[in-house]
Amino acid sequence: MKIFGLFLVTTLGFAQEVEPTAIEIAPNTLKVTFYHSNGKVMHQGNYVNGKSDGLWKSYDEVGNLVSEGSFEQGKKTGLWNFYTAKSLSAVVYNENAVADVKKFNTNTLAEN
């Protein structure tokens, strides 16, 4: 629970309107959810030993998915997708650094 206390203090310092929830799903592992001020989910993911780990998803205030990707011990890793109404950006991370970026027009994707 010490992890959650540190996590909560850190989070509230950056986003005052967000009141996160956390569920301990295993020793040293929390499943967390942050919310927009309207009550819709903003971010969902896990913390392991106080660091972001595994799949994380982010949503806009309406509930549309805006990004998804994985962390490994607090660092972005692998493929992350970032969505807008007009495009999809596929960004590959290696040890928290951008290794590759591809951008697609959603109109082109819909035609294929």
PDB file of N, CA and C in Angstrom:
ATOM      1  N   MET A   1       0.813  -1.181   0.000  1.00  0.00           N
ATOM      2  CA  MET A   1       0.000   0.000   0.000  1.00  0.00           C
ATOM      3  C   MET A   1       0.869   1.262   0.000  1.00  0.00           C
ATOM      4  N   LYS A   2       2.135   1.153   0.396  1.00  0.00           N
ATOM      5  CA  LYS A   2       3.038   2.297   0.351  1.00  0.00           C
ATOM      6  C   LYS A   2       3.183   2.789  -1.077  1.00  0.00           C
ATOM      7  N   ILE A   3       3.196   1.864  -2.024  1.00  0.00           N
ATOM      8  CA  ILE A   3       3.310   2.220  -3.432  1.00  0.00           C
ATOM      9  C   ILE A   3       2.143   3.109  -3.831  1.00  0.00           C
ATOM     10  N   PHE A   4       0.936   2.732  -3.417  1.00  0.00           N
ATOM     11  CA  PHE A   4      -0.246   3.503  -3.780  1.00  0.00           C
ATOM     12  C   PHE A   4      -0.175   4.907  -3.198  1.00  0.00           C
ATOM     13  N   GLY A   5       0.300   5.047  -1.969  1.00  0.00           N
ATOM     14  CA  GLY A   5       0.410   6.365  -1.349  1.00  0.00           C
ATOM     15  C   GLY A   5       1.331   7.278  -2.136  1.00  0.00           C
ATOM     16  N   LEU A   6       2.480   6.779  -2.522  1.00  0.00           N
ATOM     17  CA  LEU A   6       3.420   7.552  -3.318  1.00  0.00           C
ATOM     18  C   LEU A   6       2.817   7.862  -4.672  1.00  0.00           C
ATOM     19  N   PHE A   7       2.188   6.875  -5.277  1.00  0.00           N
ATOM     20  CA  PHE A   7       1.542   7.026  -6.575  1.00  0.00           C
ATOM     21  C   PHE A   7       0.463   8.093  -6.509  1.00  0.00           C
ATOM     22  N   LEU A   8      -0.350   8.069  -5.470  1.00  0.00           N
ATOM     23  CA  LEU A   8      -1.455   9.002  -5.317  1.00  0.00           C
ATOM     24  C   LEU A   8      -0.939  10.425  -5.140  1.00  0.00           C
ATOM     25  N   VAL A   9       0.066  10.620  -4.317  1.00  0.00           N
ATOM     26  CA  VAL A   9       0.631  11.948  -4.097  1.00  0.00           C
ATOM     27  C   VAL A   9       1.224  12.485  -5.394  1.00  0.00           C
ATOM     28  N   THR A  10       1.982  11.666  -6.098  1.00  0.00           N
ATOM     29  CA  THR A  10       2.585  12.073  -7.361  1.00  0.00           C
ATOM     30  C   THR A  10       1.520  12.431  -8.378  1.00  0.00           C
ATOM     31  N   THR A  11       0.511  11.608  -8.500  1.00  0.00           N
ATOM     32  CA  THR A  11      -0.539  11.820  -9.483  1.00  0.00           C
ATOM     33  C   THR A  11      -1.339  13.073  -9.184  1.00  0.00           C
ATOM     34  N   LEU A  12      -1.716  13.272  -7.955  1.00  0.00           N
ATOM     35  CA  LEU A  12      -2.528  14.430  -7.610  1.00  0.00           C
ATOM     36  C   LEU A  12      -1.775  15.731  -7.824  1.00  0.00           C
ATOM     37  N   GLY A  13      -0.469  15.683  -7.749  1.00  0.00           N
ATOM     38  CA  GLY A  13       0.315  16.872  -8.018  1.00  0.00           C
ATOM     39  C   GLY A  13       0.239  17.301  -9.469  1.00  0.00           C
ATOM     40  N   PHE A  14       0.004  16.383 -10.378  1.00  0.00           N
ATOM     41  CA  PHE A  14      -0.055  16.688 -11.796  1.00  0.00           C
ATOM     42  C   PHE A  14      -1.471  16.877 -12.315  1.00  0.00           C
ATOM     43  N   ALA A  15      -2.446  16.247 -11.719  1.00  0.00           N
ATOM     44  CA  ALA A  15      -3.809  16.283 -12.248  1.00  0.00           C
ATOM     45  C   ALA A  15      -4.802  16.383 -11.099  1.00  0.00           C
ATOM     46  N   GLN A  16      -5.093  17.584 -10.692  1.00  0.00           N
ATOM     47  CA  GLN A  16      -5.931  17.794  -9.520  1.00  0.00           C
ATOM     48  C   GLN A  16      -7.339  17.243  -9.672  1.00  0.00           C
ATOM     49  N   GLU A  17      -7.906  17.261 -10.894  1.00  0.00           N
ATOM     50  CA  GLU A  17      -9.281  16.818 -11.052  1.00  0.00           C
ATOM     51  C   GLU A  17      -9.430  15.300 -11.082  1.00  0.00           C
ATOM     52  N   VAL A  18      -8.348  14.583 -11.207  1.00  0.00           N
ATOM     53  CA  VAL A  18      -8.402  13.131 -11.329  1.00  0.00           C
ATOM     54  C   VAL A  18      -8.381  12.486  -9.949  1.00  0.00           C
ATOM     55  N   GLU A  19      -9.341  11.636  -9.697  1.00  0.00           N
ATOM     56  CA  GLU A  19      -9.360  10.858  -8.461  1.00  0.00           C
ATOM     57  C   GLU A  19      -9.184   9.393  -8.852  1.00  0.00           C
ATOM     58  N   PRO A  20      -7.947   8.898  -8.811  1.00  0.00           N
ATOM     59  CA  PRO A  20      -7.689   7.537  -9.283  1.00  0.00           C
ATOM     60  C   PRO A  20      -8.258   6.468  -8.358  1.00  0.00           C
ATOM     61  N   THR A  21      -8.501   5.315  -8.953  1.00  0.00           N
ATOM     62  CA  THR A  21      -8.831   4.141  -8.161  1.00  0.00           C
ATOM     63  C   THR A  21      -7.713   3.135  -8.365  1.00  0.00           C
ATOM     64  N   ALA A  22      -7.478   2.323  -7.375  1.00  0.00           N
ATOM     65  CA  ALA A  22      -6.431   1.309  -7.467  1.00  0.00           C
ATOM     66  C   ALA A  22      -6.911   0.039  -6.794  1.00  0.00           C
ATOM     67  N   ILE A  23      -6.647  -1.070  -7.447  1.00  0.00           N
ATOM     68  CA  ILE A  23      -6.996  -2.382  -6.909  1.00  0.00           C
ATOM     69  C   ILE A  23      -5.722  -3.211  -6.901  1.00  0.00           C
ATOM     70  N   GLU A  24      -5.376  -3.759  -5.751  1.00  0.00           N
ATOM     71  CA  GLU A  24      -4.198  -4.622  -5.679  1.00  0.00           C
ATOM     72  C   GLU A  24      -4.569  -5.973  -6.264  1.00  0.00           C
ATOM     73  N   ILE A  25      -3.947  -6.335  -7.401  1.00  0.00           N
ATOM     74  CA  ILE A  25      -4.283  -7.592  -8.072  1.00  0.00           C
ATOM     75  C   ILE A  25      -3.257  -8.686  -7.807  1.00  0.00           C
ATOM     76  N   ALA A  26      -2.117  -8.306  -7.266  1.00  0.00           N
ATOM     77  CA  ALA A  26      -1.063  -9.254  -6.879  1.00  0.00           C
ATOM     78  C   ALA A  26      -0.114  -8.481  -5.968  1.00  0.00           C
ATOM     79  N   PRO A  27       0.748  -9.178  -5.240  1.00  0.00           N
ATOM     80  CA  PRO A  27       1.711  -8.455  -4.404  1.00  0.00           C
ATOM     81  C   PRO A  27       2.509  -7.444  -5.242  1.00  0.00           C
ATOM     82  N   ASN A  28       2.573  -6.207  -4.780  1.00  0.00           N
ATOM     83  CA  ASN A  28       3.303  -5.125  -5.452  1.00  0.00           C
ATOM     84  C   ASN A  28       2.754  -4.761  -6.826  1.00  0.00           C
ATOM     85  N   THR A  29       1.520  -5.168  -7.131  1.00  0.00           N
ATOM     86  CA  THR A  29       0.910  -4.867  -8.425  1.00  0.00           C
ATOM     87  C   THR A  29      -0.452  -4.224  -8.225  1.00  0.00           C
ATOM     88  N   LEU A  30      -0.605  -3.024  -8.793  1.00  0.00           N
ATOM     89  CA  LEU A  30      -1.870  -2.305  -8.715  1.00  0.00           C
ATOM     90  C   LEU A  30      -2.453  -2.111 -10.101  1.00  0.00           C
ATOM     91  N   LYS A  31      -3.744  -2.352 -10.251  1.00  0.00           N
ATOM     92  CA  LYS A  31      -4.472  -1.982 -11.462  1.00  0.00           C
ATOM     93  C   LYS A  31      -5.086  -0.631 -11.156  1.00  0.00           C
ATOM     94  N   VAL A  32      -4.727   0.395 -11.946  1.00  0.00           N
ATOM     95  CA  VAL A  32      -5.177   1.753 -11.650  1.00  0.00           C
ATOM     96  C   VAL A  32      -6.034   2.311 -12.776  1.00  0.00           C
ATOM     97  N   THR A  33      -6.947   3.180 -12.394  1.00  0.00           N
ATOM     98  CA  THR A  33      -7.795   3.884 -13.348  1.00  0.00           C
ATOM     99  C   THR A  33      -7.858   5.345 -12.930  1.00  0.00           C
ATOM    100  N   PHE A  34      -7.578   6.221 -13.879  1.00  0.00           N
ATOM    101  CA  PHE A  34      -7.704   7.664 -13.670  1.00  0.00           C
ATOM    102  C   PHE A  34      -8.949   8.126 -14.416  1.00  0.00           C
ATOM    103  N   TYR A  35      -9.556   9.197 -13.921  1.00  0.00           N
ATOM    104  CA  TYR A  35     -10.804   9.674 -14.514  1.00  0.00           C
ATOM    105  C   TYR A  35     -10.714  11.144 -14.908  1.00  0.00           C
ATOM    106  N   HIS A  36     -11.419  11.498 -15.992  1.00  0.00           N
ATOM    107  CA  HIS A  36     -11.625  12.900 -16.350  1.00  0.00           C
ATOM    108  C   HIS A  36     -12.582  13.504 -15.327  1.00  0.00           C
ATOM    109  N   SER A  37     -12.668  14.817 -15.292  1.00  0.00           N
ATOM    110  CA  SER A  37     -13.563  15.490 -14.349  1.00  0.00           C
ATOM    111  C   SER A  37     -15.030  15.138 -14.588  1.00  0.00           C
ATOM    112  N   ASN A  38     -15.368  14.660 -15.810  1.00  0.00           N
ATOM    113  CA  ASN A  38     -16.754  14.266 -16.096  1.00  0.00           C
ATOM    114  C   ASN A  38     -17.053  12.823 -15.688  1.00  0.00           C
ATOM    115  N   GLY A  39     -16.070  12.137 -15.105  1.00  0.00           N
ATOM    116  CA  GLY A  39     -16.272  10.771 -14.643  1.00  0.00           C
ATOM    117  C   GLY A  39     -15.874   9.695 -15.633  1.00  0.00           C
ATOM    118  N   LYS A  40     -15.596  10.069 -16.879  1.00  0.00           N
ATOM    119  CA  LYS A  40     -15.166   9.091 -17.888  1.00  0.00           C
ATOM    120  C   LYS A  40     -13.720   8.679 -17.621  1.00  0.00           C
ATOM    121  N   VAL A  41     -13.388   7.458 -18.010  1.00  0.00           N
ATOM    122  CA  VAL A  41     -12.025   6.939 -17.822  1.00  0.00           C
ATOM    123  C   VAL A  41     -11.040   7.746 -18.664  1.00  0.00           C
ATOM    124  N   MET A  42      -9.918   8.131 -18.046  1.00  0.00           N
ATOM    125  CA  MET A  42      -8.852   8.849 -18.739  1.00  0.00           C
ATOM    126  C   MET A  42      -7.697   7.896 -19.084  1.00  0.00           C
ATOM    127  N   HIS A  43      -7.216   7.135 -18.093  1.00  0.00           N
ATOM    128  CA  HIS A  43      -6.108   6.193 -18.282  1.00  0.00           C
ATOM    129  C   HIS A  43      -6.398   4.926 -17.491  1.00  0.00           C
ATOM    130  N   GLN A  44      -5.932   3.799 -18.026  1.00  0.00           N
ATOM    131  CA  GLN A  44      -6.005   2.530 -17.300  1.00  0.00           C
ATOM    132  C   GLN A  44      -4.715   1.771 -17.528  1.00  0.00           C
ATOM    133  N   GLY A  45      -4.207   1.171 -16.459  1.00  0.00           N
ATOM    134  CA  GLY A  45      -3.000   0.376 -16.585  1.00  0.00           C
ATOM    135  C   GLY A  45      -2.581  -0.186 -15.243  1.00  0.00           C
ATOM    136  N   ASN A  46      -1.391  -0.754 -15.218  1.00  0.00           N
ATOM    137  CA  ASN A  46      -0.871  -1.388 -14.008  1.00  0.00           C
ATOM    138  C   ASN A  46       0.414  -0.717 -13.551  1.00  0.00           C
ATOM    139  N   TYR A  47       0.617  -0.778 -12.244  1.00  0.00           N
ATOM    140  CA  TYR A  47       1.885  -0.406 -11.634  1.00  0.00           C
ATOM    141  C   TYR A  47       2.432  -1.652 -10.964  1.00  0.00           C
ATOM    142  N   VAL A  48       3.691  -1.956 -11.243  1.00  0.00           N
ATOM    143  CA  VAL A  48       4.381  -3.064 -10.593  1.00  0.00           C
ATOM    144  C   VAL A  48       5.603  -2.469  -9.902  1.00  0.00           C
ATOM    145  N   ASN A  49       5.684  -2.682  -8.604  1.00  0.00           N
ATOM    146  CA  ASN A  49       6.777  -2.113  -7.807  1.00  0.00           C
ATOM    147  C   ASN A  49       6.907  -0.605  -8.018  1.00  0.00           C
ATOM    148  N   GLY A  50       5.765   0.077  -8.133  1.00  0.00           N
ATOM    149  CA  GLY A  50       5.752   1.531  -8.244  1.00  0.00           C
ATOM    150  C   GLY A  50       6.017   2.093  -9.625  1.00  0.00           C
ATOM    151  N   LYS A  51       6.146   1.233 -10.641  1.00  0.00           N
ATOM    152  CA  LYS A  51       6.426   1.698 -12.001  1.00  0.00           C
ATOM    153  C   LYS A  51       5.344   1.211 -12.955  1.00  0.00           C
ATOM    154  N   SER A  52       5.034   2.033 -13.966  1.00  0.00           N
ATOM    155  CA  SER A  52       4.081   1.619 -14.997  1.00  0.00           C
ATOM    156  C   SER A  52       4.591   0.346 -15.648  1.00  0.00           C
ATOM    157  N   ASP A  53       3.678  -0.613 -15.872  1.00  0.00           N
ATOM    158  CA  ASP A  53       4.091  -1.890 -16.440  1.00  0.00           C
ATOM    159  C   ASP A  53       2.919  -2.516 -17.183  1.00  0.00           C
ATOM    160  N   GLY A  54       3.201  -3.107 -18.338  1.00  0.00           N
ATOM    161  CA  GLY A  54       2.154  -3.760 -19.114  1.00  0.00           C
ATOM    162  C   GLY A  54       1.358  -2.767 -19.953  1.00  0.00           C
ATOM    163  N   LEU A  55       0.211  -3.217 -20.426  1.00  0.00           N
ATOM    164  CA  LEU A  55      -0.630  -2.420 -21.323  1.00  0.00           C
ATOM    165  C   LEU A  55      -1.270  -1.239 -20.603  1.00  0.00           C
ATOM    166  N   TRP A  56      -1.173  -0.064 -21.215  1.00  0.00           N
ATOM    167  CA  TRP A  56      -1.844   1.149 -20.740  1.00  0.00           C
ATOM    168  C   TRP A  56      -2.695   1.694 -21.871  1.00  0.00           C
ATOM    169  N   LYS A  57      -3.870   2.190 -21.523  1.00  0.00           N
ATOM    170  CA  LYS A  57      -4.766   2.808 -22.501  1.00  0.00           C
ATOM    171  C   LYS A  57      -5.186   4.175 -21.987  1.00  0.00           C
ATOM    172  N   SER A  58      -5.333   5.117 -22.924  1.00  0.00           N
ATOM    173  CA  SER A  58      -5.792   6.467 -22.589  1.00  0.00           C
ATOM    174  C   SER A  58      -6.994   6.813 -23.456  1.00  0.00           C
ATOM    175  N   TYR A  59      -7.918   7.571 -22.863  1.00  0.00           N
ATOM    176  CA  TYR A  59      -9.171   7.923 -23.533  1.00  0.00           C
ATOM    177  C   TYR A  59      -9.409   9.424 -23.428  1.00  0.00           C
ATOM    178  N   ASP A  60     -10.143   9.976 -24.409  1.00  0.00           N
ATOM    179  CA  ASP A  60     -10.519  11.384 -24.318  1.00  0.00           C
ATOM    180  C   ASP A  60     -11.742  11.535 -23.419  1.00  0.00           C
ATOM    181  N   GLU A  61     -12.219  12.768 -23.249  1.00  0.00           N
ATOM    182  CA  GLU A  61     -13.326  13.034 -22.329  1.00  0.00           C
ATOM    183  C   GLU A  61     -14.652  12.427 -22.772  1.00  0.00           C
ATOM    184  N   VAL A  62     -14.745  12.035 -24.047  1.00  0.00           N
ATOM    185  CA  VAL A  62     -15.967  11.407 -24.556  1.00  0.00           C
ATOM    186  C   VAL A  62     -15.914   9.890 -24.378  1.00  0.00           C
ATOM    187  N   GLY A  63     -14.710   9.351 -24.244  1.00  0.00           N
ATOM    188  CA  GLY A  63     -14.537   7.914 -24.084  1.00  0.00           C
ATOM    189  C   GLY A  63     -13.867   7.238 -25.260  1.00  0.00           C
ATOM    190  N   ASN A  64     -13.425   8.027 -26.259  1.00  0.00           N
ATOM    191  CA  ASN A  64     -12.722   7.468 -27.414  1.00  0.00           C
ATOM    192  C   ASN A  64     -11.281   7.119 -27.040  1.00  0.00           C
ATOM    193  N   LEU A  65     -10.822   5.976 -27.509  1.00  0.00           N
ATOM    194  CA  LEU A  65      -9.440   5.559 -27.281  1.00  0.00           C
ATOM    195  C   LEU A  65      -8.504   6.518 -28.013  1.00  0.00           C
ATOM    196  N   VAL A  66      -7.526   7.088 -27.309  1.00  0.00           N
ATOM    197  CA  VAL A  66      -6.576   7.999 -27.945  1.00  0.00           C
ATOM    198  C   VAL A  66      -5.157   7.433 -27.992  1.00  0.00           C
ATOM    199  N   SER A  67      -4.837   6.488 -27.113  1.00  0.00           N
ATOM    200  CA  SER A  67      -3.524   5.847 -27.186  1.00  0.00           C
ATOM    201  C   SER A  67      -3.545   4.520 -26.445  1.00  0.00           C
ATOM    202  N   GLU A  68      -2.662   3.636 -26.894  1.00  0.00           N
ATOM    203  CA  GLU A  68      -2.478   2.355 -26.211  1.00  0.00           C
ATOM    204  C   GLU A  68      -1.072   1.865 -26.491  1.00  0.00           C
ATOM    205  N   GLY A  69      -0.462   1.307 -25.460  1.00  0.00           N
ATOM    206  CA  GLY A  69       0.878   0.787 -25.595  1.00  0.00           C
ATOM    207  C   GLY A  69       1.345   0.207 -24.275  1.00  0.00           C
ATOM    208  N   SER A  70       2.543  -0.347 -24.293  1.00  0.00           N
ATOM    209  CA  SER A  70       3.049  -1.056 -23.118  1.00  0.00           C
ATOM    210  C   SER A  70       4.248  -0.369 -22.483  1.00  0.00           C
ATOM    211  N   PHE A  71       4.309  -0.539 -21.181  1.00  0.00           N
ATOM    212  CA  PHE A  71       5.458  -0.121 -20.392  1.00  0.00           C
ATOM    213  C   PHE A  71       6.158  -1.371 -19.878  1.00  0.00           C
ATOM    214  N   GLU A  72       7.456  -1.255 -19.691  1.00  0.00           N
ATOM    215  CA  GLU A  72       8.226  -2.301 -19.029  1.00  0.00           C
ATOM    216  C   GLU A  72       9.099  -1.610 -17.991  1.00  0.00           C
ATOM    217  N   GLN A  73       8.802  -1.842 -16.731  1.00  0.00           N
ATOM    218  CA  GLN A  73       9.524  -1.224 -15.611  1.00  0.00           C
ATOM    219  C   GLN A  73       9.595   0.299 -15.746  1.00  0.00           C
ATOM    220  N   GLY A  74       8.449   0.911 -16.098  1.00  0.00           N
ATOM    221  CA  GLY A  74       8.360   2.364 -16.173  1.00  0.00           C
ATOM    222  C   GLY A  74       8.790   2.988 -17.484  1.00  0.00           C
ATOM    223  N   LYS A  75       9.212   2.179 -18.448  1.00  0.00           N
ATOM    224  CA  LYS A  75       9.663   2.704 -19.734  1.00  0.00           C
ATOM    225  C   LYS A  75       8.743   2.237 -20.853  1.00  0.00           C
ATOM    226  N   LYS A  76       8.418   3.166 -21.773  1.00  0.00           N
ATOM    227  CA  LYS A  76       7.618   2.789 -22.937  1.00  0.00           C
ATOM    228  C   LYS A  76       8.426   1.805 -23.767  1.00  0.00           C
ATOM    229  N   THR A  77       7.739   0.777 -24.264  1.00  0.00           N
ATOM    230  CA  THR A  77       8.419  -0.233 -25.054  1.00  0.00           C
ATOM    231  C   THR A  77       7.485  -0.779 -26.120  1.00  0.00           C
ATOM    232  N   GLY A  78       8.048  -1.176 -27.246  1.00  0.00           N
ATOM    233  CA  GLY A  78       7.250  -1.785 -28.300  1.00  0.00           C
ATOM    234  C   GLY A  78       6.353  -0.789 -29.018  1.00  0.00           C
ATOM    235  N   LEU A  79       5.305  -1.319 -29.633  1.00  0.00           N
ATOM    236  CA  LEU A  79       4.393  -0.521 -30.452  1.00  0.00           C
ATOM    237  C   LEU A  79       3.382   0.232 -29.601  1.00  0.00           C
ATOM    238  N   TRP A  80       3.282   1.528 -29.836  1.00  0.00           N
ATOM    239  CA  TRP A  80       2.254   2.385 -29.240  1.00  0.00           C
ATOM    240  C   TRP A  80       1.442   2.967 -30.379  1.00  0.00           C
ATOM    241  N   ASN A  81       0.137   2.953 -30.246  1.00  0.00           N
ATOM    242  CA  ASN A  81      -0.750   3.556 -31.235  1.00  0.00           C
ATOM    243  C   ASN A  81      -1.384   4.804 -30.642  1.00  0.00           C
ATOM    244  N   PHE A  82      -1.400   5.876 -31.441  1.00  0.00           N
ATOM    245  CA  PHE A  82      -2.012   7.142 -31.052  1.00  0.00           C
ATOM    246  C   PHE A  82      -3.078   7.468 -32.089  1.00  0.00           C
ATOM    247  N   TYR A  83      -4.309   7.663 -31.628  1.00  0.00           N
ATOM    248  CA  TYR A  83      -5.449   7.841 -32.512  1.00  0.00           C
ATOM    249  C   TYR A  83      -6.002   9.257 -32.450  1.00  0.00           C
ATOM    250  N   THR A  84      -6.342   9.802 -33.623  1.00  0.00           N
ATOM    251  CA  THR A  84      -7.133  11.027 -33.715  1.00  0.00           C
ATOM    252  C   THR A  84      -8.269  10.728 -34.686  1.00  0.00           C
ATOM    253  N   ALA A  85      -9.155  11.680 -34.882  1.00  0.00           N
ATOM    254  CA  ALA A  85     -10.266  11.478 -35.813  1.00  0.00           C
ATOM    255  C   ALA A  85      -9.759  11.294 -37.241  1.00  0.00           C
ATOM    256  N   LYS A  86      -8.583  11.844 -37.551  1.00  0.00           N
ATOM    257  CA  LYS A  86      -8.088  11.815 -38.923  1.00  0.00           C
ATOM    258  C   LYS A  86      -6.871  10.935 -39.148  1.00  0.00           C
ATOM    259  N   SER A  87      -6.242  10.463 -38.078  1.00  0.00           N
ATOM    260  CA  SER A  87      -5.005   9.707 -38.288  1.00  0.00           C
ATOM    261  C   SER A  87      -4.734   8.689 -37.187  1.00  0.00           C
ATOM    262  N   LEU A  88      -3.843   7.779 -37.531  1.00  0.00           N
ATOM    263  CA  LEU A  88      -3.294   6.804 -36.591  1.00  0.00           C
ATOM    264  C   LEU A  88      -1.783   6.949 -36.680  1.00  0.00           C
ATOM    265  N   SER A  89      -1.144   7.145 -35.559  1.00  0.00           N
ATOM    266  CA  SER A  89       0.315   7.168 -35.518  1.00  0.00           C
ATOM    267  C   SER A  89       0.778   5.917 -34.795  1.00  0.00           C
ATOM    268  N   ALA A  90       1.627   5.151 -35.461  1.00  0.00           N
ATOM    269  CA  ALA A  90       2.198   3.939 -34.882  1.00  0.00           C
ATOM    270  C   ALA A  90       3.647   4.258 -34.518  1.00  0.00           C
ATOM    271  N   VAL A  91       3.930   4.273 -33.235  1.00  0.00           N
ATOM    272  CA  VAL A  91       5.255   4.654 -32.750  1.00  0.00           C
ATOM    273  C   VAL A  91       5.877   3.454 -32.046  1.00  0.00           C
ATOM    274  N   VAL A  92       7.086   3.108 -32.449  1.00  0.00           N
ATOM    275  CA  VAL A  92       7.805   2.010 -31.809  1.00  0.00           C
ATOM    276  C   VAL A  92       8.818   2.614 -30.838  1.00  0.00           C
ATOM    277  N   TYR A  93       8.747   2.144 -29.596  1.00  0.00           N
ATOM    278  CA  TYR A  93       9.668   2.596 -28.551  1.00  0.00           C
ATOM    279  C   TYR A  93      10.635   1.478 -28.203  1.00  0.00           C
ATOM    280  N   ASN A  94      11.869   1.878 -27.915  1.00  0.00           N
ATOM    281  CA  ASN A  94      12.881   0.958 -27.419  1.00  0.00           C
ATOM    282  C   ASN A  94      13.528   1.627 -26.215  1.00  0.00           C
ATOM    283  N   GLU A  95      13.328   1.064 -25.015  1.00  0.00           N
ATOM    284  CA  GLU A  95      13.886   1.639 -23.783  1.00  0.00           C
ATOM    285  C   GLU A  95      13.470   3.101 -23.606  1.00  0.00           C
ATOM    286  N   ASN A  96      12.198   3.400 -23.871  1.00  0.00           N
ATOM    287  CA  ASN A  96      11.616   4.725 -23.660  1.00  0.00           C
ATOM    288  C   ASN A  96      12.012   5.744 -24.723  1.00  0.00           C
ATOM    289  N   ALA A  97      12.747   5.321 -25.754  1.00  0.00           N
ATOM    290  CA  ALA A  97      13.146   6.218 -26.836  1.00  0.00           C
ATOM    291  C   ALA A  97      12.413   5.819 -28.118  1.00  0.00           C
ATOM    292  N   VAL A  98      12.031   6.816 -28.913  1.00  0.00           N
ATOM    293  CA  VAL A  98      11.335   6.545 -30.173  1.00  0.00           C
ATOM    294  C   VAL A  98      12.311   5.906 -31.151  1.00  0.00           C
ATOM    295  N   ALA A  99      11.949   4.723 -31.663  1.00  0.00           N
ATOM    296  CA  ALA A  99      12.781   4.009 -32.626  1.00  0.00           C
ATOM    297  C   ALA A  99      12.233   4.143 -34.042  1.00  0.00           C
ATOM    298  N   ASP A 100      10.905   4.306 -34.182  1.00  0.00           N
ATOM    299  CA  ASP A 100      10.283   4.392 -35.507  1.00  0.00           C
ATOM    300  C   ASP A 100       8.897   5.016 -35.366  1.00  0.00           C
ATOM    301  N   VAL A 101       8.488   5.765 -36.390  1.00  0.00           N
ATOM    302  CA  VAL A 101       7.159   6.383 -36.403  1.00  0.00           C
ATOM    303  C   VAL A 101       6.551   6.205 -37.782  1.00  0.00           C
ATOM    304  N   LYS A 102       5.296   5.787 -37.814  1.00  0.00           N
ATOM    305  CA  LYS A 102       4.539   5.704 -39.062  1.00  0.00           C
ATOM    306  C   LYS A 102       3.199   6.369 -38.809  1.00  0.00           C
ATOM    307  N   LYS A 103       2.764   7.187 -39.762  1.00  0.00           N
ATOM    308  CA  LYS A 103       1.488   7.881 -39.616  1.00  0.00           C
ATOM    309  C   LYS A 103       0.585   7.476 -40.769  1.00  0.00           C
ATOM    310  N   PHE A 104      -0.669   7.182 -40.439  1.00  0.00           N
ATOM    311  CA  PHE A 104      -1.643   6.751 -41.429  1.00  0.00           C
ATOM    312  C   PHE A 104      -2.859   7.664 -41.380  1.00  0.00           C
ATOM    313  N   ASN A 105      -3.389   7.975 -42.549  1.00  0.00           N
ATOM    314  CA  ASN A 105      -4.631   8.728 -42.643  1.00  0.00           C
ATOM    315  C   ASN A 105      -5.776   7.755 -42.443  1.00  0.00           C
ATOM    316  N   THR A 106      -6.710   8.047 -41.555  1.00  0.00           N
ATOM    317  CA  THR A 106      -7.800   7.101 -41.280  1.00  0.00           C
ATOM    318  C   THR A 106      -8.711   6.917 -42.479  1.00  0.00           C
ATOM    319  N   ASN A 107      -8.807   7.915 -43.367  1.00  0.00           N
ATOM    320  CA  ASN A 107      -9.606   7.742 -44.582  1.00  0.00           C
ATOM    321  C   ASN A 107      -8.987   6.683 -45.478  1.00  0.00           C
ATOM    322  N   THR A 108      -7.665   6.676 -45.579  1.00  0.00           N
ATOM    323  CA  THR A 108      -6.965   5.673 -46.374  1.00  0.00           C
ATOM    324  C   THR A 108      -7.141   4.291 -45.765  1.00  0.00           C
ATOM    325  N   LEU A 109      -7.070   4.191 -44.445  1.00  0.00           N
ATOM    326  CA  LEU A 109      -7.246   2.903 -43.780  1.00  0.00           C
ATOM    327  C   LEU A 109      -8.648   2.360 -44.003  1.00  0.00           C
ATOM    328  N   ALA A 110      -9.653   3.230 -43.994  1.00  0.00           N
ATOM    329  CA  ALA A 110     -11.041   2.797 -44.173  1.00  0.00           C
ATOM    330  C   ALA A 110     -11.290   2.275 -45.577  1.00  0.00           C
ATOM    331  N   GLU A 111     -10.558   2.803 -46.567  1.00  0.00           N
ATOM    332  CA  GLU A 111     -10.740   2.380 -47.952  1.00  0.00           C
ATOM    333  C   GLU A 111     -10.154   1.002 -48.208  1.00  0.00           C
ATOM    334  N   ASN A 112      -9.134   0.609 -47.446  1.00  0.00           N
ATOM    335  CA  ASN A 112      -8.453  -0.673 -47.681  1.00  0.00           C
ATOM    336  C   ASN A 112      -9.156  -1.790 -47.064  1.00  0.00           C
TER     337      ASN A 112
END
